[in-house]
């Protein structure tokens, strides 16, 4: 069985390569068009998967709690549309290396917001990791941030 860490490493590989391909596409189209195409293709690919796998049934759809749909709607709006659009604008205007490094501070934001929401202080290791995020950001992009 594959561990979560292996999946995470594969995701890092895919997310590390994707901005380079996206930057190439953005030479030909505007960021909002790229977001539209990505979302449309995602929908088509996932629809085909569900159609051929038979994993999605009407019972499954009807049993999704409305609160889950609300949460996923918020994530879709924020991460799927707004952040992707802003990310593509950043890629169009700057180098993929800088854009990815800057946008990769999201673990720090997750640590901060989860501390506020859940009221539990992060571990020493998480705090040190967050500090390294800022050190890495400063080293890579320096004064241009």
Protein backbone atom coordinates (compact mmCIF):
# COMPACT_ATOMS: atom_id res chain seq x y z
CA UNK A 1 0.00 0.00 0.00
CA UNK A 2 1.24 3.47 -0.87
CA UNK A 3 1.77 5.86 2.03
CA UNK A 4 0.47 9.41 2.23
CA UNK A 5 4.05 10.64 2.07
CA UNK A 6 4.62 8.92 -1.28
CA UNK A 7 1.47 10.49 -2.68
CA UNK A 8 2.66 13.86 -1.36
CA UNK A 9 6.02 13.45 -3.11
CA UNK A 10 4.30 12.63 -6.39
CA UNK A 11 2.08 15.70 -5.94
CA UNK A 12 5.20 17.82 -5.31
CA UNK A 13 6.72 16.48 -8.55
CA UNK A 14 3.56 17.22 -10.54
CA UNK A 15 3.09 20.66 -8.96
CA UNK A 16 6.78 21.39 -9.54
CA UNK A 17 6.52 20.71 -13.26
CA UNK A 18 3.04 22.13 -13.91
CA UNK A 19 3.92 25.86 -13.61
CA UNK A 20 6.52 25.46 -16.35
CA UNK A 21 3.89 24.03 -18.69
CA UNK A 22 1.32 26.62 -17.59
CA UNK A 23 3.76 29.46 -18.30
CA UNK A 24 4.19 28.10 -21.85
CA UNK A 25 0.40 28.08 -22.33
CA UNK A 26 0.11 31.64 -20.98
CA UNK A 27 2.20 32.88 -23.91
CA UNK A 28 -0.86 32.23 -26.06
CA UNK A 29 -3.88 32.93 -23.85
CA UNK A 30 -4.98 35.19 -21.00
CA UNK A 31 -4.98 33.88 -17.42
CA UNK A 32 -8.79 33.88 -17.07
CA UNK A 33 -9.08 31.81 -20.25
CA UNK A 34 -6.51 29.39 -18.87
CA UNK A 35 -8.53 29.03 -15.65
CA UNK A 36 -11.67 28.35 -17.68
CA UNK A 37 -9.92 25.71 -19.79
CA UNK A 38 -8.35 24.03 -16.73
CA UNK A 39 -11.67 23.88 -14.86
CA UNK A 40 -13.53 22.62 -17.93
CA UNK A 41 -10.94 19.93 -18.62
CA UNK A 42 -10.92 18.91 -14.94
CA UNK A 43 -14.69 18.50 -15.08
CA UNK A 44 -14.53 16.45 -18.27
CA UNK A 45 -11.73 14.19 -17.04
CA UNK A 46 -13.41 13.53 -13.69
CA UNK A 47 -16.77 12.98 -15.40
CA UNK A 48 -15.23 10.40 -17.71
CA UNK A 49 -13.58 8.69 -14.77
CA UNK A 50 -16.89 8.44 -12.90
CA UNK A 51 -18.76 7.37 -16.03
CA UNK A 52 -16.38 4.51 -16.82
CA UNK A 53 -15.64 3.45 -13.23
CA UNK A 54 -19.26 3.44 -12.10
CA UNK A 55 -18.17 4.82 -8.72
CA UNK A 56 -20.58 7.74 -8.70
CA UNK A 57 -24.23 6.94 -8.14
CA UNK A 58 -27.29 9.08 -7.60
CA UNK A 59 -27.47 7.72 -4.04
CA UNK A 60 -23.93 8.96 -3.38
CA UNK A 61 -24.78 12.40 -4.74
CA UNK A 62 -28.02 12.69 -2.77
CA UNK A 63 -26.29 11.72 0.48
CA UNK A 64 -23.68 14.48 0.35
CA UNK A 65 -24.34 16.77 3.31
CA UNK A 66 -25.17 20.34 2.22
CA UNK A 67 -22.47 21.73 4.55
CA UNK A 68 -19.86 19.69 2.65
CA UNK A 69 -21.09 21.21 -0.61
CA UNK A 70 -20.89 24.70 0.92
CA UNK A 71 -17.31 24.13 2.12
CA UNK A 72 -16.27 22.77 -1.26
CA UNK A 73 -17.98 25.67 -3.03
CA UNK A 74 -15.91 28.09 -0.95
CA UNK A 75 -12.70 26.19 -1.73
CA UNK A 76 -13.62 26.04 -5.42
CA UNK A 77 -14.18 29.78 -5.51
CA UNK A 78 -11.04 30.65 -3.54
CA UNK A 79 -8.50 28.05 -4.67
CA UNK A 80 -10.01 26.80 -7.90
CA UNK A 81 -10.85 30.14 -9.48
CA UNK A 82 -9.42 33.16 -7.66
CA UNK A 83 -6.05 31.75 -6.59
CA UNK A 84 -5.55 29.96 -9.91
CA UNK A 85 -6.31 33.17 -11.80
CA UNK A 86 -3.90 35.18 -9.65
CA UNK A 87 -1.28 32.42 -9.94
CA UNK A 88 -1.53 32.51 -13.74
CA UNK A 89 -1.23 36.30 -13.73
CA UNK A 90 1.87 35.97 -11.56
CA UNK A 91 3.33 33.34 -13.91
CA UNK A 92 2.67 35.53 -16.92
CA UNK A 93 4.50 38.46 -15.30
CA UNK A 94 7.34 36.70 -13.48
CA UNK A 95 9.52 33.61 -13.52
CA UNK A 96 7.94 30.28 -12.47
CA UNK A 97 10.68 29.79 -9.86
CA UNK A 98 9.88 33.02 -8.02
CA UNK A 99 6.13 32.63 -8.33
CA UNK A 100 6.17 29.08 -6.97
CA UNK A 101 8.48 29.96 -4.08
CA UNK A 102 6.34 32.94 -3.05
CA UNK A 103 3.04 31.09 -3.44
CA UNK A 104 4.49 28.17 -1.49
CA UNK A 105 4.27 30.10 1.76
CA UNK A 106 0.80 28.65 2.14
CA UNK A 107 1.97 26.13 4.80
CA UNK A 108 2.80 29.08 7.05
CA UNK A 109 -0.66 30.52 6.46
CA UNK A 110 -2.21 27.11 7.20
CA UNK A 111 -0.27 26.89 10.46
CA UNK A 112 -1.29 30.42 11.47
CA UNK A 113 -4.97 30.10 10.59
CA UNK A 114 -5.35 26.61 12.06
CA UNK A 115 -3.79 27.90 15.29
CA UNK A 116 -6.38 30.68 15.40
CA UNK A 117 -9.35 28.45 14.46
CA UNK A 118 -8.50 25.42 16.59
CA UNK A 119 -6.87 27.35 19.45
CA UNK A 120 -4.01 24.89 19.70
CA UNK A 121 -0.44 26.14 19.50
CA UNK A 122 1.69 24.50 16.83
CA UNK A 123 4.55 22.23 17.79
CA UNK A 124 8.11 23.46 18.01
CA UNK A 125 8.88 21.68 14.72
CA UNK A 126 6.04 23.49 12.94
CA UNK A 127 7.21 26.85 14.26
CA UNK A 128 10.78 26.16 13.13
CA UNK A 129 9.44 25.02 9.75
CA UNK A 130 7.45 28.24 9.39
CA UNK A 131 10.57 30.27 10.17
CA UNK A 132 12.46 28.35 7.48
CA UNK A 133 9.70 29.19 5.00
CA UNK A 134 10.41 32.88 5.51
CA UNK A 135 14.19 32.39 5.45
CA UNK A 136 13.88 30.46 2.19
CA UNK A 137 11.61 33.08 0.72
CA UNK A 138 14.04 35.84 1.62
CA UNK A 139 17.04 33.93 0.24
CA UNK A 140 15.35 33.14 -3.06
CA UNK A 141 13.58 36.39 -3.84
CA UNK A 142 15.30 38.81 -1.49
CA UNK A 143 14.47 42.46 -1.81
CA UNK A 144 12.02 42.01 -4.70
CA UNK A 145 9.26 40.75 -2.36
